[in-house]
Amino acid sequence: MNSTKIEYRPLIRDLPTQERPRERLKEKGAASLSTAELLAIILRTGAASESVLDVATRLLARFDGLAGLTRASFGELCLEHGLGEAKVAQLKAALELGRRLVSSHPDERAVVKSPQDIANLLQAEMGFLEQEELKVVLLNSKNQVIAIPGVYKGSVNTSLIRISELFREAVRQNCPALVLVHNHPSGDPNPSSEDIEVTEQAVAAGKLLDIEVLDHLIIGQQRYVSLRERGLGFKSA
């Protein structure tokens, strides 16, 4: 009879003191912890079959990062194994505090000066997604990030994407500029002919709407490509 070997990851309390997230936060600061570790501190305890760090990692994967957790409803989160109403309330409260902090300090919003700035904002979130997603980084007149709405999930091509959808939030919020960002699940960020065509159409539509499309970034695993830097989809003045 074949036997199955089950591996158990240690619980937080079983880790050496210096490796526990809460102790590391105390000694080295919150910035030294991963997103999963910070989330584990908020959740405090895990489920019967997994540690709190496992729960945190699973939630981030399941909901595509903190942005997805923010969008998820209270009831939807309560359905997740290891979460009850009390933990969901703690999580929602923490996420809302973060949102209010950002909105209360508009002058501290991220400023986009280069493609690298955009990559820094979205590389971790989009670099390992299993399907293509297209986001629009909305910018004000100072090139500060106003919002990053997701507008599409699926294959990025001109037959499926409605160019008007790319500008809906920019028009609503009266933004003068934006940057398109999408990922390649293969990990290779080199643009396809469809990517270039979408860029050309977006740039042309932006001119009609008086909204400048500053760039189109393609995110891969640990790297990215700026179509503007490569001169693809952006006609030289």
C-alpha atoms as a PDB file:
ATOM      1  CA  MET A   1       0.000   0.000   0.000  1.00  0.00           C
ATOM      2  CA  ASN A   2       1.368   3.388  -1.014  1.00  0.00           C
ATOM      3  CA  SER A   3       1.699   5.963   1.718  1.00  0.00           C
ATOM      4  CA  THR A   4       1.450   9.697   1.138  1.00  0.00           C
ATOM      5  CA  LYS A   5       3.905  11.891   2.931  1.00  0.00           C
ATOM      6  CA  ILE A   6       2.342  15.102   4.207  1.00  0.00           C
ATOM      7  CA  GLU A   7       4.626  18.055   4.807  1.00  0.00           C
ATOM      8  CA  TYR A   8       3.635  20.578   7.424  1.00  0.00           C
ATOM      9  CA  ARG A   9       4.988  24.097   7.399  1.00  0.00           C
ATOM     10  CA  PRO A  10       5.875  25.393  10.839  1.00  0.00           C
ATOM     11  CA  LEU A  11       3.480  27.712  12.591  1.00  0.00           C
ATOM     12  CA  ILE A  12       4.636  31.256  13.341  1.00  0.00           C
ATOM     13  CA  ARG A  13       5.094  30.375  17.013  1.00  0.00           C
ATOM     14  CA  ASP A  14       7.396  27.499  16.023  1.00  0.00           C
ATOM     15  CA  LEU A  15       9.782  29.764  14.133  1.00  0.00           C
ATOM     16  CA  PRO A  16      12.885  31.151  15.829  1.00  0.00           C
ATOM     17  CA  THR A  17      12.022  34.420  17.540  1.00  0.00           C
ATOM     18  CA  GLN A  18      14.141  36.515  15.193  1.00  0.00           C
ATOM     19  CA  GLU A  19      12.306  35.096  12.143  1.00  0.00           C
ATOM     20  CA  ARG A  20       8.769  35.838  13.318  1.00  0.00           C
ATOM     21  CA  PRO A  21       7.120  38.686  11.357  1.00  0.00           C
ATOM     22  CA  ARG A  22       6.051  40.640  14.436  1.00  0.00           C
ATOM     23  CA  GLU A  23       9.512  40.496  15.995  1.00  0.00           C
ATOM     24  CA  ARG A  24      11.178  41.402  12.682  1.00  0.00           C
ATOM     25  CA  LEU A  25       8.852  44.377  12.332  1.00  0.00           C
ATOM     26  CA  LYS A  26       9.834  45.519  15.821  1.00  0.00           C
ATOM     27  CA  GLU A  27      13.556  45.169  15.168  1.00  0.00           C
ATOM     28  CA  LYS A  28      13.878  46.172  11.503  1.00  0.00           C
ATOM     29  CA  GLY A  29      10.719  48.136  10.702  1.00  0.00           C
ATOM     30  CA  ALA A  30       7.612  47.353   8.665  1.00  0.00           C
ATOM     31  CA  ALA A  31       9.368  48.041   5.346  1.00  0.00           C
ATOM     32  CA  SER A  32      11.546  44.959   5.871  1.00  0.00           C
ATOM     33  CA  LEU A  33       8.540  42.612   5.738  1.00  0.00           C
ATOM     34  CA  SER A  34       6.881  41.172   2.656  1.00  0.00           C
ATOM     35  CA  THR A  35       3.240  41.920   1.889  1.00  0.00           C
ATOM     36  CA  ALA A  36       2.311  38.388   2.988  1.00  0.00           C
ATOM     37  CA  GLU A  37       4.088  38.866   6.325  1.00  0.00           C
ATOM     38  CA  LEU A  38       2.362  42.195   6.977  1.00  0.00           C
ATOM     39  CA  LEU A  39      -0.975  40.593   6.155  1.00  0.00           C
ATOM     40  CA  ALA A  40      -0.173  37.692   8.494  1.00  0.00           C
ATOM     41  CA  ILE A  41       0.354  40.126  11.368  1.00  0.00           C
ATOM     42  CA  ILE A  42      -3.104  41.590  10.768  1.00  0.00           C
ATOM     43  CA  LEU A  43      -4.761  38.156  10.587  1.00  0.00           C
ATOM     44  CA  ARG A  44      -2.823  36.962  13.683  1.00  0.00           C
ATOM     45  CA  THR A  45      -3.770  33.261  13.526  1.00  0.00           C
ATOM     46  CA  GLY A  46      -4.174  30.741  10.739  1.00  0.00           C
ATOM     47  CA  ALA A  47      -6.479  27.786  10.125  1.00  0.00           C
ATOM     48  CA  ALA A  48      -6.225  24.301  11.539  1.00  0.00           C
ATOM     49  CA  SER A  49      -4.352  22.963   8.510  1.00  0.00           C
ATOM     50  CA  GLU A  50      -2.156  25.932   7.613  1.00  0.00           C
ATOM     51  CA  SER A  51      -0.156  28.691   9.242  1.00  0.00           C
ATOM     52  CA  VAL A  52      -1.266  32.315   9.183  1.00  0.00           C
ATOM     53  CA  LEU A  53       1.527  33.031   6.665  1.00  0.00           C
ATOM     54  CA  ASP A  54       0.094  30.319   4.415  1.00  0.00           C
ATOM     55  CA  VAL A  55      -3.351  31.926   4.704  1.00  0.00           C
ATOM     56  CA  ALA A  56      -1.926  35.351   3.848  1.00  0.00           C
ATOM     57  CA  THR A  57       0.008  34.011   0.839  1.00  0.00           C
ATOM     58  CA  ARG A  58      -3.054  32.152  -0.424  1.00  0.00           C
ATOM     59  CA  LEU A  59      -5.259  35.240  -0.130  1.00  0.00           C
ATOM     60  CA  LEU A  60      -2.813  37.408  -2.061  1.00  0.00           C
ATOM     61  CA  ALA A  61      -2.649  34.811  -4.845  1.00  0.00           C
ATOM     62  CA  ARG A  62      -6.397  34.212  -4.866  1.00  0.00           C
ATOM     63  CA  PHE A  63      -7.309  37.903  -5.133  1.00  0.00           C
ATOM     64  CA  ASP A  64      -4.323  39.098  -7.209  1.00  0.00           C
ATOM     65  CA  GLY A  65      -2.714  41.180  -4.474  1.00  0.00           C
ATOM     66  CA  LEU A  66      -3.816  43.942  -2.155  1.00  0.00           C
ATOM     67  CA  ALA A  67      -5.849  45.707  -4.839  1.00  0.00           C
ATOM     68  CA  GLY A  68      -7.964  42.588  -5.299  1.00  0.00           C
ATOM     69  CA  LEU A  69      -8.414  42.170  -1.555  1.00  0.00           C
ATOM     70  CA  THR A  70      -9.586  45.765  -1.358  1.00  0.00           C
ATOM     71  CA  ARG A  71     -12.188  45.176  -4.074  1.00  0.00           C
ATOM     72  CA  ALA A  72     -13.449  41.875  -2.588  1.00  0.00           C
ATOM     73  CA  SER A  73     -16.689  42.081  -0.642  1.00  0.00           C
ATOM     74  CA  PHE A  74     -16.993  41.288   3.056  1.00  0.00           C
ATOM     75  CA  GLY A  75     -19.092  38.219   2.307  1.00  0.00           C
ATOM     76  CA  GLU A  76     -16.705  36.987  -0.372  1.00  0.00           C
ATOM     77  CA  LEU A  77     -13.765  37.103   2.029  1.00  0.00           C
ATOM     78  CA  CYS A  78     -15.747  35.318   4.759  1.00  0.00           C
ATOM     79  CA  LEU A  79     -16.053  32.333   2.417  1.00  0.00           C
ATOM     80  CA  GLU A  80     -12.285  31.870   2.402  1.00  0.00           C
ATOM     81  CA  HIS A  81     -10.884  29.053   4.544  1.00  0.00           C
ATOM     82  CA  GLY A  82      -9.283  30.444   7.689  1.00  0.00           C
ATOM     83  CA  LEU A  83     -11.243  33.692   7.697  1.00  0.00           C
ATOM     84  CA  GLY A  84     -14.186  34.561   9.892  1.00  0.00           C
ATOM     85  CA  GLU A  85     -16.074  37.801  10.310  1.00  0.00           C
ATOM     86  CA  ALA A  86     -13.659  39.128  12.926  1.00  0.00           C
ATOM     87  CA  LYS A  87     -10.586  38.600  10.731  1.00  0.00           C
ATOM     88  CA  VAL A  88     -12.305  39.996   7.660  1.00  0.00           C
ATOM     89  CA  ALA A  89     -13.305  43.075   9.643  1.00  0.00           C
ATOM     90  CA  GLN A  90      -9.673  43.563  10.762  1.00  0.00           C
ATOM     91  CA  LEU A  91      -8.446  43.165   7.191  1.00  0.00           C
ATOM     92  CA  LYS A  92     -11.021  45.547   5.717  1.00  0.00           C
ATOM     93  CA  ALA A  93     -10.284  48.132   8.414  1.00  0.00           C
ATOM     94  CA  ALA A  94      -6.531  47.992   7.718  1.00  0.00           C
ATOM     95  CA  LEU A  95      -7.035  48.347   3.959  1.00  0.00           C
ATOM     96  CA  GLU A  96      -9.399  51.280   4.445  1.00  0.00           C
ATOM     97  CA  LEU A  97      -6.910  53.036   6.720  1.00  0.00           C
ATOM     98  CA  GLY A  98      -4.294  52.685   4.004  1.00  0.00           C
ATOM     99  CA  ARG A  99      -6.679  54.093   1.403  1.00  0.00           C
ATOM    100  CA  ARG A 100      -7.557  57.073   3.623  1.00  0.00           C
ATOM    101  CA  LEU A 101      -3.891  57.775   4.317  1.00  0.00           C
ATOM    102  CA  VAL A 102      -3.154  58.039   0.600  1.00  0.00           C
ATOM    103  CA  SER A 103      -6.194  60.207  -0.109  1.00  0.00           C
ATOM    104  CA  SER A 104      -5.442  62.526   2.822  1.00  0.00           C
ATOM    105  CA  HIS A 105      -1.977  63.341   1.455  1.00  0.00           C
ATOM    106  CA  PRO A 106      -2.432  64.078  -2.255  1.00  0.00           C
ATOM    107  CA  ASP A 107       0.955  65.772  -2.428  1.00  0.00           C
ATOM    108  CA  GLU A 108       2.568  62.466  -1.461  1.00  0.00           C
ATOM    109  CA  ARG A 109       1.095  60.559  -4.386  1.00  0.00           C
ATOM    110  CA  ALA A 110       3.532  58.632  -6.557  1.00  0.00           C
ATOM    111  CA  VAL A 111       5.036  60.780  -9.312  1.00  0.00           C
ATOM    112  CA  VAL A 112       5.768  59.283 -12.722  1.00  0.00           C
ATOM    113  CA  LYS A 113       8.966  60.574 -14.300  1.00  0.00           C
ATOM    114  CA  SER A 114      10.024  57.484 -16.239  1.00  0.00           C
ATOM    115  CA  PRO A 115       8.833  54.006 -17.301  1.00  0.00           C
ATOM    116  CA  GLN A 116      10.748  52.605 -14.326  1.00  0.00           C
ATOM    117  CA  ASP A 117       8.440  54.517 -11.966  1.00  0.00           C
ATOM    118  CA  ILE A 118       5.429  52.742 -13.481  1.00  0.00           C
ATOM    119  CA  ALA A 119       7.196  49.393 -13.315  1.00  0.00           C
ATOM    120  CA  ASN A 120       7.981  49.975  -9.642  1.00  0.00           C
ATOM    121  CA  LEU A 121       4.277  50.507  -8.976  1.00  0.00           C
ATOM    122  CA  LEU A 122       2.957  47.459 -10.808  1.00  0.00           C
ATOM    123  CA  GLN A 123       5.752  44.911 -11.392  1.00  0.00           C
ATOM    124  CA  ALA A 124       5.139  42.928  -8.211  1.00  0.00           C
ATOM    125  CA  GLU A 125       1.368  42.879  -8.702  1.00  0.00           C
ATOM    126  CA  MET A 126       1.284  42.057 -12.414  1.00  0.00           C
ATOM    127  CA  GLY A 127       4.493  40.168 -13.123  1.00  0.00           C
ATOM    128  CA  PHE A 128       3.156  36.734 -12.209  1.00  0.00           C
ATOM    129  CA  LEU A 129      -0.527  36.930 -13.163  1.00  0.00           C
ATOM    130  CA  GLU A 130      -1.841  33.863 -14.967  1.00  0.00           C
ATOM    131  CA  GLN A 131      -3.846  35.824 -17.533  1.00  0.00           C
ATOM    132  CA  GLU A 132      -3.409  39.142 -19.279  1.00  0.00           C
ATOM    133  CA  GLU A 133      -4.749  42.208 -17.521  1.00  0.00           C
ATOM    134  CA  LEU A 134      -4.792  45.767 -18.784  1.00  0.00           C
ATOM    135  CA  LYS A 135      -4.639  48.704 -16.377  1.00  0.00           C
ATOM    136  CA  VAL A 136      -4.621  52.447 -16.933  1.00  0.00           C
ATOM    137  CA  VAL A 137      -2.438  54.677 -14.761  1.00  0.00           C
ATOM    138  CA  LEU A 138      -4.252  58.015 -14.515  1.00  0.00           C
ATOM    139  CA  LEU A 139      -2.087  61.101 -13.997  1.00  0.00           C
ATOM    140  CA  ASN A 140      -2.806  64.698 -13.051  1.00  0.00           C
ATOM    141  CA  SER A 141      -1.051  67.777 -14.446  1.00  0.00           C
ATOM    142  CA  LYS A 142       1.916  67.155 -12.101  1.00  0.00           C
ATOM    143  CA  ASN A 143       2.270  63.548 -13.313  1.00  0.00           C
ATOM    144  CA  GLN A 144       1.041  62.297  -9.946  1.00  0.00           C
ATOM    145  CA  VAL A 145      -0.846  59.006  -9.930  1.00  0.00           C
ATOM    146  CA  ILE A 146      -4.561  59.590  -9.341  1.00  0.00           C
ATOM    147  CA  ALA A 147      -5.791  56.026  -9.749  1.00  0.00           C
ATOM    148  CA  ILE A 148      -4.942  52.747 -11.484  1.00  0.00           C
ATOM    149  CA  PRO A 149      -8.211  51.202 -12.651  1.00  0.00           C
ATOM    150  CA  GLY A 150      -8.232  47.767 -14.229  1.00  0.00           C
ATOM    151  CA  VAL A 151     -10.107  47.883 -17.527  1.00  0.00           C
ATOM    152  CA  TYR A 152      -9.650  44.482 -19.090  1.00  0.00           C
ATOM    153  CA  LYS A 153      -8.827  40.828 -18.400  1.00  0.00           C
ATOM    154  CA  GLY A 154      -8.007  38.492 -21.243  1.00  0.00           C
ATOM    155  CA  SER A 155      -6.049  38.632 -24.468  1.00  0.00           C
ATOM    156  CA  VAL A 156      -5.045  42.215 -25.290  1.00  0.00           C
ATOM    157  CA  ASN A 157      -5.954  42.676 -28.940  1.00  0.00           C
ATOM    158  CA  THR A 158      -7.837  45.160 -31.063  1.00  0.00           C
ATOM    159  CA  SER A 159     -10.734  42.826 -31.812  1.00  0.00           C
ATOM    160  CA  LEU A 160     -11.711  42.602 -28.137  1.00  0.00           C
ATOM    161  CA  ILE A 161     -10.671  45.889 -26.545  1.00  0.00           C
ATOM    162  CA  ARG A 162     -12.904  48.924 -26.904  1.00  0.00           C
ATOM    163  CA  ILE A 163     -10.538  51.871 -27.046  1.00  0.00           C
ATOM    164  CA  SER A 164     -13.179  54.090 -25.458  1.00  0.00           C
ATOM    165  CA  GLU A 165     -12.987  51.985 -22.276  1.00  0.00           C
ATOM    166  CA  LEU A 166      -9.331  52.958 -21.857  1.00  0.00           C
ATOM    167  CA  PHE A 167     -10.320  56.606 -21.484  1.00  0.00           C
ATOM    168  CA  ARG A 168     -13.555  56.289 -19.502  1.00  0.00           C
ATOM    169  CA  GLU A 169     -12.049  57.031 -16.067  1.00  0.00           C
ATOM    170  CA  ALA A 170      -9.605  59.592 -17.450  1.00  0.00           C
ATOM    171  CA  VAL A 171     -12.496  61.572 -18.909  1.00  0.00           C
ATOM    172  CA  ARG A 172     -14.572  61.192 -15.754  1.00  0.00           C
ATOM    173  CA  GLN A 173     -11.730  62.438 -13.541  1.00  0.00           C
ATOM    174  CA  ASN A 174     -10.551  65.048 -16.040  1.00  0.00           C
ATOM    175  CA  CYS A 175      -7.028  63.613 -16.241  1.00  0.00           C
ATOM    176  CA  PRO A 176      -4.709  65.153 -18.840  1.00  0.00           C
ATOM    177  CA  ALA A 177      -2.520  62.066 -19.278  1.00  0.00           C
ATOM    178  CA  LEU A 178      -2.363  58.317 -18.756  1.00  0.00           C
ATOM    179  CA  VAL A 179      -0.130  55.287 -19.183  1.00  0.00           C
ATOM    180  CA  LEU A 180      -1.338  51.913 -20.428  1.00  0.00           C
ATOM    181  CA  VAL A 181       0.053  48.843 -18.666  1.00  0.00           C
ATOM    182  CA  HIS A 182      -0.567  45.187 -19.329  1.00  0.00           C
ATOM    183  CA  ASN A 183       1.235  41.947 -18.565  1.00  0.00           C
ATOM    184  CA  HIS A 184       2.377  38.930 -20.539  1.00  0.00           C
ATOM    185  CA  PRO A 185       1.739  35.732 -18.524  1.00  0.00           C
ATOM    186  CA  SER A 186       4.526  34.008 -20.482  1.00  0.00           C
ATOM    187  CA  GLY A 187       6.988  36.261 -18.656  1.00  0.00           C
ATOM    188  CA  ASP A 188       8.364  37.649 -21.940  1.00  0.00           C
ATOM    189  CA  PRO A 189       7.480  41.377 -22.181  1.00  0.00           C
ATOM    190  CA  ASN A 190       8.402  41.805 -25.838  1.00  0.00           C
ATOM    191  CA  PRO A 191       5.452  43.466 -27.631  1.00  0.00           C
ATOM    192  CA  SER A 192       3.337  41.699 -30.218  1.00  0.00           C
ATOM    193  CA  SER A 193       1.904  43.300 -33.340  1.00  0.00           C
ATOM    194  CA  GLU A 194      -1.432  43.497 -31.493  1.00  0.00           C
ATOM    195  CA  ASP A 195       0.207  45.397 -28.626  1.00  0.00           C
ATOM    196  CA  ILE A 196       1.601  47.933 -31.068  1.00  0.00           C
ATOM    197  CA  GLU A 197      -1.756  48.286 -32.836  1.00  0.00           C
ATOM    198  CA  VAL A 198      -3.597  48.868 -29.551  1.00  0.00           C
ATOM    199  CA  THR A 199      -1.021  51.538 -28.683  1.00  0.00           C
ATOM    200  CA  GLU A 200      -1.421  53.313 -32.028  1.00  0.00           C
ATOM    201  CA  GLN A 201      -5.199  53.371 -31.678  1.00  0.00           C
ATOM    202  CA  ALA A 202      -5.010  54.616 -28.077  1.00  0.00           C
ATOM    203  CA  VAL A 203      -2.576  57.406 -28.975  1.00  0.00           C
ATOM    204  CA  ALA A 204      -4.843  58.532 -31.836  1.00  0.00           C
ATOM    205  CA  ALA A 205      -7.944  58.453 -29.611  1.00  0.00           C
ATOM    206  CA  GLY A 206      -6.114  60.356 -26.878  1.00  0.00           C
ATOM    207  CA  LYS A 207      -5.319  63.193 -29.289  1.00  0.00           C
ATOM    208  CA  LEU A 208      -9.007  63.543 -30.110  1.00  0.00           C
ATOM    209  CA  LEU A 209      -9.891  63.635 -26.411  1.00  0.00           C
ATOM    210  CA  ASP A 210      -6.952  65.889 -25.480  1.00  0.00           C
ATOM    211  CA  ILE A 211      -5.604  63.168 -23.171  1.00  0.00           C
ATOM    212  CA  GLU A 212      -1.969  62.287 -23.773  1.00  0.00           C
ATOM    213  CA  VAL A 213      -0.995  58.626 -23.787  1.00  0.00           C
ATOM    214  CA  LEU A 214       2.501  58.916 -22.338  1.00  0.00           C
ATOM    215  CA  ASP A 215       3.506  55.280 -22.683  1.00  0.00           C
ATOM    216  CA  HIS A 216       2.408  51.668 -22.898  1.00  0.00           C
ATOM    217  CA  LEU A 217       4.314  49.292 -20.620  1.00  0.00           C
ATOM    218  CA  ILE A 218       4.322  45.531 -20.947  1.00  0.00           C
ATOM    219  CA  ILE A 219       5.144  43.741 -17.712  1.00  0.00           C
ATOM    220  CA  GLY A 220       6.899  40.380 -17.688  1.00  0.00           C
ATOM    221  CA  GLN A 221       8.586  38.398 -14.960  1.00  0.00           C
ATOM    222  CA  GLN A 222      11.206  40.671 -13.368  1.00  0.00           C
ATOM    223  CA  ARG A 223      11.372  42.886 -16.480  1.00  0.00           C
ATOM    224  CA  TYR A 224       9.315  45.205 -18.617  1.00  0.00           C
ATOM    225  CA  VAL A 225       9.256  46.921 -22.002  1.00  0.00           C
ATOM    226  CA  SER A 226       8.311  50.535 -22.704  1.00  0.00           C
ATOM    227  CA  LEU A 227       6.808  50.846 -26.187  1.00  0.00           C
ATOM    228  CA  ARG A 228       7.590  54.569 -26.238  1.00  0.00           C
ATOM    229  CA  GLU A 229      11.265  53.906 -25.499  1.00  0.00           C
ATOM    230  CA  ARG A 230      11.306  51.420 -28.387  1.00  0.00           C
ATOM    231  CA  GLY A 231       9.474  53.826 -30.662  1.00  0.00           C
ATOM    232  CA  LEU A 232       6.593  51.391 -31.195  1.00  0.00           C
ATOM    233  CA  GLY A 233       3.087  52.792 -31.561  1.00  0.00           C
ATOM    234  CA  PHE A 234       4.227  56.362 -30.950  1.00  0.00           C
ATOM    235  CA  LYS A 235       4.881  58.370 -34.091  1.00  0.00           C
ATOM    236  CA  SER A 236       7.749  60.814 -33.728  1.00  0.00           C
ATOM    237  CA  ALA A 237       6.730  64.466 -33.654  1.00  0.00           C
END
